Each structure stands twice: as structure tokens, then as C-alpha cells.
Amino acid sequence: MRGKVFLVQWDALSAQALAKELRVDGWTIDVESKDGGRAYKLIKANPPDIVLIDISRKLSHGRELAFVLRNVKATRNIPIIFVDGKVEDVANLRNKVPDTVFTTSRELKNTLMKFAKSG
């Protein structure tokens, strides 16, 4: 197992397709595609190694989830990776949540490997 990823993607079909692809690569994946509040509760109750948030849709939802995760002691240190999004949105998020990682769908697997568990 490479690690546990909590995937937040606001399109259920796309989320399931990506989760399936990442599972084939050895990741354990939990998915939320409808409710940022539920995502937060699940992340807090069972912290993953990485939170992956797609910002190509519902940027505000992804941004708010990241803010909450960073402001709660139990989830503060979990790496957050934002995927896709408009250039101006990424620049704005970098300023507001500077300790996060930004990548594209195309580079996602390479980015995730930087966080993979060894062994």
C-alpha cells in the first residue's frame, strides 16, 4: 500500500473513475463528492495520509474544506493536494493556503508518489 488518500471531487462519476485508477496503483482511497462538511467529519474521524481536492469545480467548496482542515489541530498537518483549477484560482489559493501542493490531473500520479509510504 502506498498510503491512504481522501479524494474530494465534486463530480461523482469522475471521482469514482479516479479512485479506481489510483487503487490500481496501490493507494487506499476514500471518496466524497457531495458534501464538504461530511468530507471534513470523515477526514477528522479517520485521518488519511493525504487529502486530494479537485478544484476544477466548486472552488469555494474545496477552499473552505482546506481552511477547516488547516484550522483544526487533528487535521492541521495532513498534506493537501489541490488538482486542476484555473491559473488565477491556483495563484489565489497559494496565497491563502500556502502549505498545500498544486498539480494537474496529468501530473497527479507523479505528485502522489512524493508522498508514498515506503515498504
PDB file of N, CA and C in Angstrom:
ATOM      1  N   MET A   1       0.847  -1.184   0.000  1.00  0.00           N
ATOM      2  CA  MET A   1       0.000   0.000   0.000  1.00  0.00           C
ATOM      3  C   MET A   1       0.890   1.245   0.000  1.00  0.00           C
ATOM      4  N   ARG A   2       0.567   2.166  -0.858  1.00  0.00           N
ATOM      5  CA  ARG A   2       1.340   3.406  -0.961  1.00  0.00           C
ATOM      6  C   ARG A   2       0.919   4.426   0.089  1.00  0.00           C
ATOM      7  N   GLY A   3      -0.326   4.323   0.545  1.00  0.00           N
ATOM      8  CA  GLY A   3      -0.848   5.265   1.522  1.00  0.00           C
ATOM      9  C   GLY A   3      -2.339   5.436   1.340  1.00  0.00           C
ATOM     10  N   LYS A   4      -2.927   6.164   2.272  1.00  0.00           N
ATOM     11  CA  LYS A   4      -4.371   6.382   2.254  1.00  0.00           C
ATOM     12  C   LYS A   4      -4.657   7.812   1.801  1.00  0.00           C
ATOM     13  N   VAL A   5      -5.491   7.924   0.777  1.00  0.00           N
ATOM     14  CA  VAL A   5      -5.856   9.222   0.202  1.00  0.00           C
ATOM     15  C   VAL A   5      -7.356   9.441   0.387  1.00  0.00           C
ATOM     16  N   PHE A   6      -7.715  10.630   0.826  1.00  0.00           N
ATOM     17  CA  PHE A   6      -9.119  11.026   0.851  1.00  0.00           C
ATOM     18  C   PHE A   6      -9.317  11.956  -0.327  1.00  0.00           C
ATOM     19  N   LEU A   7     -10.114  11.531  -1.296  1.00  0.00           N
ATOM     20  CA  LEU A   7     -10.362  12.269  -2.528  1.00  0.00           C
ATOM     21  C   LEU A   7     -11.667  13.047  -2.433  1.00  0.00           C
ATOM     22  N   VAL A   8     -11.588  14.349  -2.661  1.00  0.00           N
ATOM     23  CA  VAL A   8     -12.773  15.196  -2.713  1.00  0.00           C
ATOM     24  C   VAL A   8     -12.866  15.742  -4.134  1.00  0.00           C
ATOM     25  N   GLN A   9     -13.851  15.251  -4.846  1.00  0.00           N
ATOM     26  CA  GLN A   9     -14.065  15.681  -6.222  1.00  0.00           C
ATOM     27  C   GLN A   9     -15.567  15.838  -6.400  1.00  0.00           C
ATOM     28  N   TRP A  10     -15.989  16.964  -6.905  1.00  0.00           N
ATOM     29  CA  TRP A  10     -17.403  17.336  -6.884  1.00  0.00           C
ATOM     30  C   TRP A  10     -18.225  16.729  -8.006  1.00  0.00           C
ATOM     31  N   ASP A  11     -17.700  15.747  -8.709  1.00  0.00           N
ATOM     32  CA  ASP A  11     -18.441  15.002  -9.722  1.00  0.00           C
ATOM     33  C   ASP A  11     -18.289  13.519  -9.377  1.00  0.00           C
ATOM     34  N   ALA A  12     -19.376  12.883  -9.018  1.00  0.00           N
ATOM     35  CA  ALA A  12     -19.315  11.510  -8.510  1.00  0.00           C
ATOM     36  C   ALA A  12     -18.720  10.528  -9.519  1.00  0.00           C
ATOM     37  N   LEU A  13     -19.088  10.632 -10.778  1.00  0.00           N
ATOM     38  CA  LEU A  13     -18.554   9.699 -11.774  1.00  0.00           C
ATOM     39  C   LEU A  13     -17.059   9.880 -11.971  1.00  0.00           C
ATOM     40  N   SER A  14     -16.624  11.119 -12.051  1.00  0.00           N
ATOM     41  CA  SER A  14     -15.189  11.391 -12.193  1.00  0.00           C
ATOM     42  C   SER A  14     -14.427  10.938 -10.952  1.00  0.00           C
ATOM     43  N   ALA A  15     -15.016  11.166  -9.793  1.00  0.00           N
ATOM     44  CA  ALA A  15     -14.378  10.757  -8.543  1.00  0.00           C
ATOM     45  C   ALA A  15     -14.192   9.247  -8.493  1.00  0.00           C
ATOM     46  N   GLN A  16     -15.219   8.504  -8.860  1.00  0.00           N
ATOM     47  CA  GLN A  16     -15.123   7.045  -8.833  1.00  0.00           C
ATOM     48  C   GLN A  16     -14.106   6.529  -9.853  1.00  0.00           C
ATOM     49  N   ALA A  17     -14.062   7.155 -11.023  1.00  0.00           N
ATOM     50  CA  ALA A  17     -13.094   6.749 -12.047  1.00  0.00           C
ATOM     51  C   ALA A  17     -11.661   6.990 -11.571  1.00  0.00           C
ATOM     52  N   LEU A  18     -11.411   8.151 -10.985  1.00  0.00           N
ATOM     53  CA  LEU A  18     -10.075   8.453 -10.482  1.00  0.00           C
ATOM     54  C   LEU A  18      -9.721   7.540  -9.312  1.00  0.00           C
ATOM     55  N   ALA A  19     -10.667   7.318  -8.425  1.00  0.00           N
ATOM     56  CA  ALA A  19     -10.415   6.430  -7.280  1.00  0.00           C
ATOM     57  C   ALA A  19     -10.028   5.034  -7.763  1.00  0.00           C
ATOM     58  N   LYS A  20     -10.726   4.537  -8.747  1.00  0.00           N
ATOM     59  CA  LYS A  20     -10.424   3.211  -9.294  1.00  0.00           C
ATOM     60  C   LYS A  20      -9.006   3.171  -9.858  1.00  0.00           C
ATOM     61  N   GLU A  21      -8.643   4.196 -10.597  1.00  0.00           N
ATOM     62  CA  GLU A  21      -7.310   4.289 -11.191  1.00  0.00           C
ATOM     63  C   GLU A  21      -6.217   4.320 -10.110  1.00  0.00           C
ATOM     64  N   LEU A  22      -6.446   5.096  -9.069  1.00  0.00           N
ATOM     65  CA  LEU A  22      -5.452   5.207  -8.001  1.00  0.00           C
ATOM     66  C   LEU A  22      -5.362   3.925  -7.172  1.00  0.00           C
ATOM     67  N   ARG A  23      -6.480   3.233  -7.013  1.00  0.00           N
ATOM     68  CA  ARG A  23      -6.456   1.956  -6.293  1.00  0.00           C
ATOM     69  C   ARG A  23      -5.595   0.934  -7.041  1.00  0.00           C
ATOM     70  N   VAL A  24      -5.709   0.932  -8.367  1.00  0.00           N
ATOM     71  CA  VAL A  24      -4.883   0.038  -9.184  1.00  0.00           C
ATOM     72  C   VAL A  24      -3.405   0.322  -8.943  1.00  0.00           C
ATOM     73  N   ASP A  25      -3.073   1.580  -8.689  1.00  0.00           N
ATOM     74  CA  ASP A  25      -1.685   1.967  -8.423  1.00  0.00           C
ATOM     75  C   ASP A  25      -1.250   1.708  -6.983  1.00  0.00           C
ATOM     76  N   GLY A  26      -2.134   1.133  -6.165  1.00  0.00           N
ATOM     77  CA  GLY A  26      -1.754   0.737  -4.820  1.00  0.00           C
ATOM     78  C   GLY A  26      -2.180   1.671  -3.700  1.00  0.00           C
ATOM     79  N   TRP A  27      -2.956   2.694  -3.997  1.00  0.00           N
ATOM     80  CA  TRP A  27      -3.427   3.620  -2.971  1.00  0.00           C
ATOM     81  C   TRP A  27      -4.742   3.123  -2.378  1.00  0.00           C
ATOM     82  N   THR A  28      -4.955   3.396  -1.113  1.00  0.00           N
ATOM     83  CA  THR A  28      -6.247   3.180  -0.480  1.00  0.00           C
ATOM     84  C   THR A  28      -6.984   4.507  -0.612  1.00  0.00           C
ATOM     85  N   ILE A  29      -8.198   4.468  -1.142  1.00  0.00           N
ATOM     86  CA  ILE A  29      -8.914   5.701  -1.471  1.00  0.00           C
ATOM     87  C   ILE A  29     -10.286   5.729  -0.814  1.00  0.00           C
ATOM     88  N   ASP A  30     -10.581   6.847  -0.145  1.00  0.00           N
ATOM     89  CA  ASP A  30     -11.933   7.169   0.305  1.00  0.00           C
ATOM     90  C   ASP A  30     -12.371   8.365  -0.520  1.00  0.00           C
ATOM     91  N   VAL A  31     -13.661   8.447  -0.822  1.00  0.00           N
ATOM     92  CA  VAL A  31     -14.167   9.472  -1.734  1.00  0.00           C
ATOM     93  C   VAL A  31     -15.361  10.205  -1.141  1.00  0.00           C
ATOM     94  N   GLU A  32     -15.398  11.504  -1.377  1.00  0.00           N
ATOM     95  CA  GLU A  32     -16.589  12.319  -1.104  1.00  0.00           C
ATOM     96  C   GLU A  32     -16.791  13.221  -2.312  1.00  0.00           C
ATOM     97  N   SER A  33     -18.004  13.258  -2.808  1.00  0.00           N
ATOM     98  CA  SER A  33     -18.269  14.070  -3.996  1.00  0.00           C
ATOM     99  C   SER A  33     -19.465  15.001  -3.844  1.00  0.00           C
ATOM    100  N   LYS A  34     -20.053  15.051  -2.645  1.00  0.00           N
ATOM    101  CA  LYS A  34     -21.247  15.874  -2.490  1.00  0.00           C
ATOM    102  C   LYS A  34     -21.192  16.891  -1.359  1.00  0.00           C
ATOM    103  N   ASP A  35     -20.524  16.573  -0.279  1.00  0.00           N
ATOM    104  CA  ASP A  35     -20.667  17.380   0.925  1.00  0.00           C
ATOM    105  C   ASP A  35     -19.319  17.614   1.599  1.00  0.00           C
ATOM    106  N   GLY A  36     -18.839  18.858   1.575  1.00  0.00           N
ATOM    107  CA  GLY A  36     -17.571  19.197   2.208  1.00  0.00           C
ATOM    108  C   GLY A  36     -17.597  18.990   3.713  1.00  0.00           C
ATOM    109  N   GLY A  37     -18.741  19.237   4.340  1.00  0.00           N
ATOM    110  CA  GLY A  37     -18.870  19.021   5.775  1.00  0.00           C
ATOM    111  C   GLY A  37     -18.717  17.549   6.132  1.00  0.00           C
ATOM    112  N   ARG A  38     -19.328  16.698   5.345  1.00  0.00           N
ATOM    113  CA  ARG A  38     -19.191  15.254   5.577  1.00  0.00           C
ATOM    114  C   ARG A  38     -17.739  14.831   5.317  1.00  0.00           C
ATOM    115  N   ALA A  39     -17.119  15.396   4.278  1.00  0.00           N
ATOM    116  CA  ALA A  39     -15.708  15.084   3.999  1.00  0.00           C
ATOM    117  C   ALA A  39     -14.858  15.413   5.220  1.00  0.00           C
ATOM    118  N   TYR A  40     -15.064  16.595   5.786  1.00  0.00           N
ATOM    119  CA  TYR A  40     -14.296  17.004   6.963  1.00  0.00           C
ATOM    120  C   TYR A  40     -14.488  16.018   8.117  1.00  0.00           C
ATOM    121  N   LYS A  41     -15.727  15.646   8.392  1.00  0.00           N
ATOM    122  CA  LYS A  41     -16.011  14.728   9.501  1.00  0.00           C
ATOM    123  C   LYS A  41     -15.326  13.382   9.294  1.00  0.00           C
ATOM    124  N   LEU A  42     -15.361  12.885   8.065  1.00  0.00           N
ATOM    125  CA  LEU A  42     -14.731  11.600   7.765  1.00  0.00           C
ATOM    126  C   LEU A  42     -13.206  11.692   7.872  1.00  0.00           C
ATOM    127  N   ILE A  43     -12.645  12.792   7.402  1.00  0.00           N
ATOM    128  CA  ILE A  43     -11.196  13.001   7.478  1.00  0.00           C
ATOM    129  C   ILE A  43     -10.754  13.099   8.934  1.00  0.00           C
ATOM    130  N   LYS A  44     -11.498  13.839   9.721  1.00  0.00           N
ATOM    131  CA  LYS A  44     -11.146  14.002  11.139  1.00  0.00           C
ATOM    132  C   LYS A  44     -11.270  12.681  11.895  1.00  0.00           C
ATOM    133  N   ALA A  45     -12.313  11.901  11.595  1.00  0.00           N
ATOM    134  CA  ALA A  45     -12.548  10.645  12.301  1.00  0.00           C
ATOM    135  C   ALA A  45     -11.512   9.575  11.954  1.00  0.00           C
ATOM    136  N   ASN A  46     -11.021   9.586  10.730  1.00  0.00           N
ATOM    137  CA  ASN A  46     -10.084   8.579  10.274  1.00  0.00           C
ATOM    138  C   ASN A  46      -9.066   9.251   9.348  1.00  0.00           C
ATOM    139  N   PRO A  47      -8.090   9.965   9.909  1.00  0.00           N
ATOM    140  CA  PRO A  47      -7.185  10.785   9.104  1.00  0.00           C
ATOM    141  C   PRO A  47      -6.413   9.996   8.044  1.00  0.00           C
ATOM    142  N   PRO A  48      -6.460  10.489   6.810  1.00  0.00           N
ATOM    143  CA  PRO A  48      -5.698   9.865   5.732  1.00  0.00           C
ATOM    144  C   PRO A  48      -4.265  10.381   5.738  1.00  0.00           C
ATOM    145  N   ASP A  49      -3.458   9.824   4.864  1.00  0.00           N
ATOM    146  CA  ASP A  49      -2.092  10.318   4.685  1.00  0.00           C
ATOM    147  C   ASP A  49      -2.079  11.589   3.844  1.00  0.00           C
ATOM    148  N   ILE A  50      -3.069  11.709   2.957  1.00  0.00           N
ATOM    149  CA  ILE A  50      -3.152  12.832   2.011  1.00  0.00           C
ATOM    150  C   ILE A  50      -4.618  13.160   1.777  1.00  0.00           C
ATOM    151  N   VAL A  51      -4.925  14.453   1.643  1.00  0.00           N
ATOM    152  CA  VAL A  51      -6.248  14.886   1.183  1.00  0.00           C
ATOM    153  C   VAL A  51      -6.041  15.468  -0.213  1.00  0.00           C
ATOM    154  N   LEU A  52      -6.794  14.959  -1.145  1.00  0.00           N
ATOM    155  CA  LEU A  52      -6.712  15.371  -2.543  1.00  0.00           C
ATOM    156  C   LEU A  52      -8.013  16.082  -2.898  1.00  0.00           C
ATOM    157  N   ILE A  53      -7.928  17.370  -3.251  1.00  0.00           N
ATOM    158  CA  ILE A  53      -9.126  18.164  -3.524  1.00  0.00           C
ATOM    159  C   ILE A  53      -9.084  18.675  -4.951  1.00  0.00           C
ATOM    160  N   ASP A  54     -10.064  18.270  -5.744  1.00  0.00           N
ATOM    161  CA  ASP A  54     -10.183  18.760  -7.115  1.00  0.00           C
ATOM    162  C   ASP A  54     -10.800  20.159  -7.064  1.00  0.00           C
ATOM    163  N   ILE A  55     -10.144  21.129  -7.680  1.00  0.00           N
ATOM    164  CA  ILE A  55     -10.678  22.498  -7.673  1.00  0.00           C
ATOM    165  C   ILE A  55     -11.125  22.954  -9.059  1.00  0.00           C
ATOM    166  N   SER A  56     -11.310  22.005  -9.971  1.00  0.00           N
ATOM    167  CA  SER A  56     -11.806  22.376 -11.297  1.00  0.00           C
ATOM    168  C   SER A  56     -13.300  22.705 -11.253  1.00  0.00           C
ATOM    169  N   ARG A  57     -13.977  22.241 -10.218  1.00  0.00           N
ATOM    170  CA  ARG A  57     -15.392  22.546  -9.973  1.00  0.00           C
ATOM    171  C   ARG A  57     -15.527  22.958  -8.510  1.00  0.00           C
ATOM    172  N   LYS A  58     -16.458  23.801  -8.245  1.00  0.00           N
ATOM    173  CA  LYS A  58     -16.771  24.216  -6.867  1.00  0.00           C
ATOM    174  C   LYS A  58     -15.534  24.608  -6.077  1.00  0.00           C
ATOM    175  N   LEU A  59     -14.778  25.532  -6.639  1.00  0.00           N
ATOM    176  CA  LEU A  59     -13.563  26.025  -5.992  1.00  0.00           C
ATOM    177  C   LEU A  59     -13.828  26.446  -4.556  1.00  0.00           C
ATOM    178  N   SER A  60     -14.925  27.155  -4.337  1.00  0.00           N
ATOM    179  CA  SER A  60     -15.205  27.660  -2.987  1.00  0.00           C
ATOM    180  C   SER A  60     -15.370  26.515  -1.986  1.00  0.00           C
ATOM    181  N   HIS A  61     -15.969  25.419  -2.403  1.00  0.00           N
ATOM    182  CA  HIS A  61     -16.146  24.271  -1.505  1.00  0.00           C
ATOM    183  C   HIS A  61     -14.795  23.672  -1.137  1.00  0.00           C
ATOM    184  N   GLY A  62     -13.934  23.508  -2.135  1.00  0.00           N
ATOM    185  CA  GLY A  62     -12.605  22.958  -1.882  1.00  0.00           C
ATOM    186  C   GLY A  62     -11.765  23.870  -1.008  1.00  0.00           C
ATOM    187  N   ARG A  63     -11.855  25.171  -1.261  1.00  0.00           N
ATOM    188  CA  ARG A  63     -11.113  26.152  -0.477  1.00  0.00           C
ATOM    189  C   ARG A  63     -11.574  26.117   0.978  1.00  0.00           C
ATOM    190  N   GLU A  64     -12.874  26.089   1.204  1.00  0.00           N
ATOM    191  CA  GLU A  64     -13.404  26.067   2.575  1.00  0.00           C
ATOM    192  C   GLU A  64     -12.989  24.796   3.303  1.00  0.00           C
ATOM    193  N   LEU A  65     -13.013  23.666   2.623  1.00  0.00           N
ATOM    194  CA  LEU A  65     -12.583  22.424   3.257  1.00  0.00           C
ATOM    195  C   LEU A  65     -11.112  22.536   3.669  1.00  0.00           C
ATOM    196  N   ALA A  66     -10.277  23.071   2.795  1.00  0.00           N
ATOM    197  CA  ALA A  66      -8.854  23.238   3.119  1.00  0.00           C
ATOM    198  C   ALA A  66      -8.677  24.160   4.318  1.00  0.00           C
ATOM    199  N   PHE A  67      -9.425  25.260   4.371  1.00  0.00           N
ATOM    200  CA  PHE A  67      -9.335  26.180   5.514  1.00  0.00           C
ATOM    201  C   PHE A  67      -9.678  25.469   6.819  1.00  0.00           C
ATOM    202  N   VAL A  68     -10.761  24.716   6.799  1.00  0.00           N
ATOM    203  CA  VAL A  68     -11.181  23.998   8.012  1.00  0.00           C
ATOM    204  C   VAL A  68     -10.115  22.987   8.415  1.00  0.00           C
ATOM    205  N   LEU A  69      -9.614  22.227   7.450  1.00  0.00           N
ATOM    206  CA  LEU A  69      -8.594  21.228   7.771  1.00  0.00           C
ATOM    207  C   LEU A  69      -7.350  21.860   8.380  1.00  0.00           C
ATOM    208  N   ARG A  70      -6.976  23.028   7.913  1.00  0.00           N
ATOM    209  CA  ARG A  70      -5.783  23.708   8.420  1.00  0.00           C
ATOM    210  C   ARG A  70      -6.003  24.347   9.786  1.00  0.00           C
ATOM    211  N   ASN A  71      -7.240  24.619  10.144  1.00  0.00           N
ATOM    212  CA  ASN A  71      -7.525  25.320  11.392  1.00  0.00           C
ATOM    213  C   ASN A  71      -7.938  24.412  12.542  1.00  0.00           C
ATOM    214  N   VAL A  72      -7.883  23.117  12.335  1.00  0.00           N
ATOM    215  CA  VAL A  72      -8.236  22.157  13.375  1.00  0.00           C
ATOM    216  C   VAL A  72      -6.995  21.320  13.689  1.00  0.00           C
ATOM    217  N   LYS A  73      -6.652  21.243  14.943  1.00  0.00           N
ATOM    218  CA  LYS A  73      -5.426  20.574  15.359  1.00  0.00           C
ATOM    219  C   LYS A  73      -5.319  19.148  14.807  1.00  0.00           C
ATOM    220  N   ALA A  74      -6.410  18.404  14.831  1.00  0.00           N
ATOM    221  CA  ALA A  74      -6.394  16.995  14.415  1.00  0.00           C
ATOM    222  C   ALA A  74      -6.065  16.804  12.932  1.00  0.00           C
ATOM    223  N   THR A  75      -6.295  17.814  12.114  1.00  0.00           N
ATOM    224  CA  THR A  75      -6.088  17.656  10.669  1.00  0.00           C
ATOM    225  C   THR A  75      -5.068  18.639  10.100  1.00  0.00           C
ATOM    226  N   ARG A  76      -4.520  19.475  10.932  1.00  0.00           N
ATOM    227  CA  ARG A  76      -3.633  20.567  10.510  1.00  0.00           C
ATOM    228  C   ARG A  76      -2.433  20.109   9.681  1.00  0.00           C
ATOM    229  N   ASN A  77      -1.879  18.952   9.998  1.00  0.00           N
ATOM    230  CA  ASN A  77      -0.642  18.524   9.348  1.00  0.00           C
ATOM    231  C   ASN A  77      -0.827  17.515   8.215  1.00  0.00           C
ATOM    232  N   ILE A  78      -2.057  17.230   7.854  1.00  0.00           N
ATOM    233  CA  ILE A  78      -2.290  16.315   6.736  1.00  0.00           C
ATOM    234  C   ILE A  78      -1.978  17.061   5.434  1.00  0.00           C
ATOM    235  N   PRO A  79      -1.121  16.498   4.582  1.00  0.00           N
ATOM    236  CA  PRO A  79      -0.848  17.166   3.304  1.00  0.00           C
ATOM    237  C   PRO A  79      -2.112  17.300   2.462  1.00  0.00           C
ATOM    238  N   ILE A  80      -2.278  18.475   1.870  1.00  0.00           N
ATOM    239  CA  ILE A  80      -3.403  18.736   0.974  1.00  0.00           C
ATOM    240  C   ILE A  80      -2.838  18.968  -0.418  1.00  0.00           C
ATOM    241  N   ILE A  81      -3.394  18.243  -1.380  1.00  0.00           N
ATOM    242  CA  ILE A  81      -3.024  18.431  -2.777  1.00  0.00           C
ATOM    243  C   ILE A  81      -4.258  18.923  -3.526  1.00  0.00           C
ATOM    244  N   PHE A  82      -4.141  20.092  -4.131  1.00  0.00           N
ATOM    245  CA  PHE A  82      -5.200  20.608  -4.997  1.00  0.00           C
ATOM    246  C   PHE A  82      -4.902  20.159  -6.424  1.00  0.00           C
ATOM    247  N   VAL A  83      -5.944  19.735  -7.133  1.00  0.00           N
ATOM    248  CA  VAL A  83      -5.775  19.261  -8.507  1.00  0.00           C
ATOM    249  C   VAL A  83      -6.574  20.141  -9.455  1.00  0.00           C
ATOM    250  N   ASP A  84      -5.918  20.517 -10.548  1.00  0.00           N
ATOM    251  CA  ASP A  84      -6.505  21.294 -11.634  1.00  0.00           C
ATOM    252  C   ASP A  84      -6.930  22.681 -11.166  1.00  0.00           C
ATOM    253  N   GLY A  85      -7.884  23.268 -11.799  1.00  0.00           N
ATOM    254  CA  GLY A  85      -8.276  24.629 -11.469  1.00  0.00           C
ATOM    255  C   GLY A  85      -7.664  25.649 -12.402  1.00  0.00           C
ATOM    256  N   LYS A  86      -8.267  26.813 -12.450  1.00  0.00           N
ATOM    257  CA  LYS A  86      -7.790  27.910 -13.292  1.00  0.00           C
ATOM    258  C   LYS A  86      -6.525  28.512 -12.696  1.00  0.00           C
ATOM    259  N   VAL A  87      -5.674  29.035 -13.565  1.00  0.00           N
ATOM    260  CA  VAL A  87      -4.397  29.608 -13.137  1.00  0.00           C
ATOM    261  C   VAL A  87      -4.598  30.672 -12.058  1.00  0.00           C
ATOM    262  N   GLU A  88      -5.568  31.563 -12.244  1.00  0.00           N
ATOM    263  CA  GLU A  88      -5.799  32.624 -11.261  1.00  0.00           C
ATOM    264  C   GLU A  88      -6.318  32.064  -9.935  1.00  0.00           C
ATOM    265  N   ASP A  89      -7.100  30.995  -9.986  1.00  0.00           N
ATOM    266  CA  ASP A  89      -7.585  30.365  -8.756  1.00  0.00           C
ATOM    267  C   ASP A  89      -6.431  29.725  -7.980  1.00  0.00           C
ATOM    268  N   VAL A  90      -5.544  29.077  -8.706  1.00  0.00           N
ATOM    269  CA  VAL A  90      -4.389  28.444  -8.070  1.00  0.00           C
ATOM    270  C   VAL A  90      -3.524  29.500  -7.388  1.00  0.00           C
ATOM    271  N   ALA A  91      -3.276  30.604  -8.088  1.00  0.00           N
ATOM    272  CA  ALA A  91      -2.453  31.684  -7.516  1.00  0.00           C
ATOM    273  C   ALA A  91      -3.095  32.222  -6.236  1.00  0.00           C
ATOM    274  N   ASN A  92      -4.390  32.425  -6.256  1.00  0.00           N
ATOM    275  CA  ASN A  92      -5.112  32.929  -5.088  1.00  0.00           C
ATOM    276  C   ASN A  92      -5.043  31.936  -3.924  1.00  0.00           C
ATOM    277  N   LEU A  93      -5.247  30.661  -4.220  1.00  0.00           N
ATOM    278  CA  LEU A  93      -5.185  29.643  -3.167  1.00  0.00           C
ATOM    279  C   LEU A  93      -3.780  29.506  -2.587  1.00  0.00           C
ATOM    280  N   ARG A  94      -2.768  29.644  -3.423  1.00  0.00           N
ATOM    281  CA  ARG A  94      -1.379  29.581  -2.933  1.00  0.00           C
ATOM    282  C   ARG A  94      -1.142  30.639  -1.859  1.00  0.00           C
ATOM    283  N   ASN A  95      -1.739  31.817  -2.051  1.00  0.00           N
ATOM    284  CA  ASN A  95      -1.591  32.887  -1.069  1.00  0.00           C
ATOM    285  C   ASN A  95      -2.386  32.603   0.203  1.00  0.00           C
ATOM    286  N   LYS A  96      -3.552  32.002   0.068  1.00  0.00           N
ATOM    287  CA  LYS A  96      -4.427  31.780   1.221  1.00  0.00           C
ATOM    288  C   LYS A  96      -4.123  30.499   1.990  1.00  0.00           C
ATOM    289  N   VAL A  97      -3.647  29.481   1.290  1.00  0.00           N
ATOM    290  CA  VAL A  97      -3.309  28.204   1.930  1.00  0.00           C
ATOM    291  C   VAL A  97      -1.923  27.791   1.409  1.00  0.00           C
ATOM    292  N   PRO A  98      -0.883  28.476   1.884  1.00  0.00           N
ATOM    293  CA  PRO A  98       0.446  28.327   1.282  1.00  0.00           C
ATOM    294  C   PRO A  98       1.120  26.968   1.461  1.00  0.00           C
ATOM    295  N   ASP A  99       0.713  26.196   2.434  1.00  0.00           N
ATOM    296  CA  ASP A  99       1.400  24.925   2.669  1.00  0.00           C
ATOM    297  C   ASP A  99       0.773  23.755   1.923  1.00  0.00           C
ATOM    298  N   THR A 100       0.050  24.037   0.865  1.00  0.00           N
ATOM    299  CA  THR A 100      -0.565  22.989   0.064  1.00  0.00           C
ATOM    300  C   THR A 100       0.233  22.791  -1.224  1.00  0.00           C
ATOM    301  N   VAL A 101      -0.075  21.702  -1.901  1.00  0.00           N
ATOM    302  CA  VAL A 101       0.581  21.355  -3.156  1.00  0.00           C
ATOM    303  C   VAL A 101      -0.453  21.489  -4.267  1.00  0.00           C
ATOM    304  N   PHE A 102      -0.009  21.977  -5.402  1.00  0.00           N
ATOM    305  CA  PHE A 102      -0.888  22.121  -6.564  1.00  0.00           C
ATOM    306  C   PHE A 102      -0.346  21.273  -7.694  1.00  0.00           C
ATOM    307  N   THR A 103      -1.244  20.580  -8.382  1.00  0.00           N
ATOM    308  CA  THR A 103      -0.840  19.755  -9.512  1.00  0.00           C
ATOM    309  C   THR A 103      -1.971  19.695 -10.522  1.00  0.00           C
ATOM    310  N   THR A 104      -1.690  19.079 -11.646  1.00  0.00           N
ATOM    311  CA  THR A 104      -2.704  18.861 -12.678  1.00  0.00           C
ATOM    312  C   THR A 104      -3.071  17.381 -12.691  1.00  0.00           C
ATOM    313  N   SER A 105      -4.164  17.060 -13.322  1.00  0.00           N
ATOM    314  CA  SER A 105      -4.552  15.651 -13.456  1.00  0.00           C
ATOM    315  C   SER A 105      -3.440  14.861 -14.131  1.00  0.00           C
ATOM    316  N   ARG A 106      -2.826  15.487 -15.100  1.00  0.00           N
ATOM    317  CA  ARG A 106      -1.761  14.832 -15.860  1.00  0.00           C
ATOM    318  C   ARG A 106      -0.559  14.482 -14.984  1.00  0.00           C
ATOM    319  N   GLU A 107      -0.251  15.323 -14.007  1.00  0.00           N
ATOM    320  CA  GLU A 107       0.913  15.117 -13.135  1.00  0.00           C
ATOM    321  C   GLU A 107       0.560  14.501 -11.785  1.00  0.00           C
ATOM    322  N   LEU A 108      -0.709  14.204 -11.581  1.00  0.00           N
ATOM    323  CA  LEU A 108      -1.166  13.751 -10.265  1.00  0.00           C
ATOM    324  C   LEU A 108      -0.410  12.534  -9.748  1.00  0.00           C
ATOM    325  N   LYS A 109      -0.277  11.521 -10.559  1.00  0.00           N
ATOM    326  CA  LYS A 109       0.377  10.293 -10.084  1.00  0.00           C
ATOM    327  C   LYS A 109       1.818  10.559  -9.659  1.00  0.00           C
ATOM    328  N   ASN A 110       2.531  11.379 -10.405  1.00  0.00           N
ATOM    329  CA  ASN A 110       3.909  11.717 -10.026  1.00  0.00           C
ATOM    330  C   ASN A 110       3.931  12.512  -8.729  1.00  0.00           C
ATOM    331  N   THR A 111       2.982  13.424  -8.571  1.00  0.00           N
ATOM    332  CA  THR A 111       2.896  14.208  -7.344  1.00  0.00           C
ATOM    333  C   THR A 111       2.597  13.310  -6.138  1.00  0.00           C
ATOM    334  N   LEU A 112       1.661  12.404  -6.296  1.00  0.00           N
ATOM    335  CA  LEU A 112       1.308  11.499  -5.198  1.00  0.00           C
ATOM    336  C   LEU A 112       2.502  10.639  -4.781  1.00  0.00           C
ATOM    337  N   MET A 113       3.318  10.248  -5.735  1.00  0.00           N
ATOM    338  CA  MET A 113       4.459   9.387  -5.417  1.00  0.00           C
ATOM    339  C   MET A 113       5.432  10.072  -4.450  1.00  0.00           C
ATOM    340  N   LYS A 114       5.439  11.382  -4.415  1.00  0.00           N
ATOM    341  CA  LYS A 114       6.301  12.112  -3.482  1.00  0.00           C
ATOM    342  C   LYS A 114       5.853  11.886  -2.036  1.00  0.00           C
ATOM    343  N   PHE A 115       4.610  11.453  -1.874  1.00  0.00           N
ATOM    344  CA  PHE A 115       4.046  11.237  -0.537  1.00  0.00           C
ATOM    345  C   PHE A 115       3.859   9.751  -0.210  1.00  0.00           C
ATOM    346  N   ALA A 116       4.231   8.880  -1.137  1.00  0.00           N
ATOM    347  CA  ALA A 116       4.006   7.440  -0.960  1.00  0.00           C
ATOM    348  C   ALA A 116       4.817   6.902   0.207  1.00  0.00           C
ATOM    349  N   LYS A 117       4.204   5.977   0.923  1.00  0.00           N
ATOM    350  CA  LYS A 117       4.903   5.296   2.009  1.00  0.00           C
ATOM    351  C   LYS A 117       5.872   4.287   1.402  1.00  0.00           C
ATOM    352  N   SER A 118       6.996   4.138   2.028  1.00  0.00           N
ATOM    353  CA  SER A 118       7.939   3.111   1.553  1.00  0.00           C
ATOM    354  C   SER A 118       7.690   1.825   2.294  1.00  0.00           C
ATOM    355  N   GLY A 119       8.033   0.751   1.654  1.00  0.00           N
ATOM    356  CA  GLY A 119       7.882  -0.543   2.313  1.00  0.00           C
ATOM    357  C   GLY A 119       6.682  -1.175   1.910  1.00  0.00           C
TER     358      GLY A 119
END
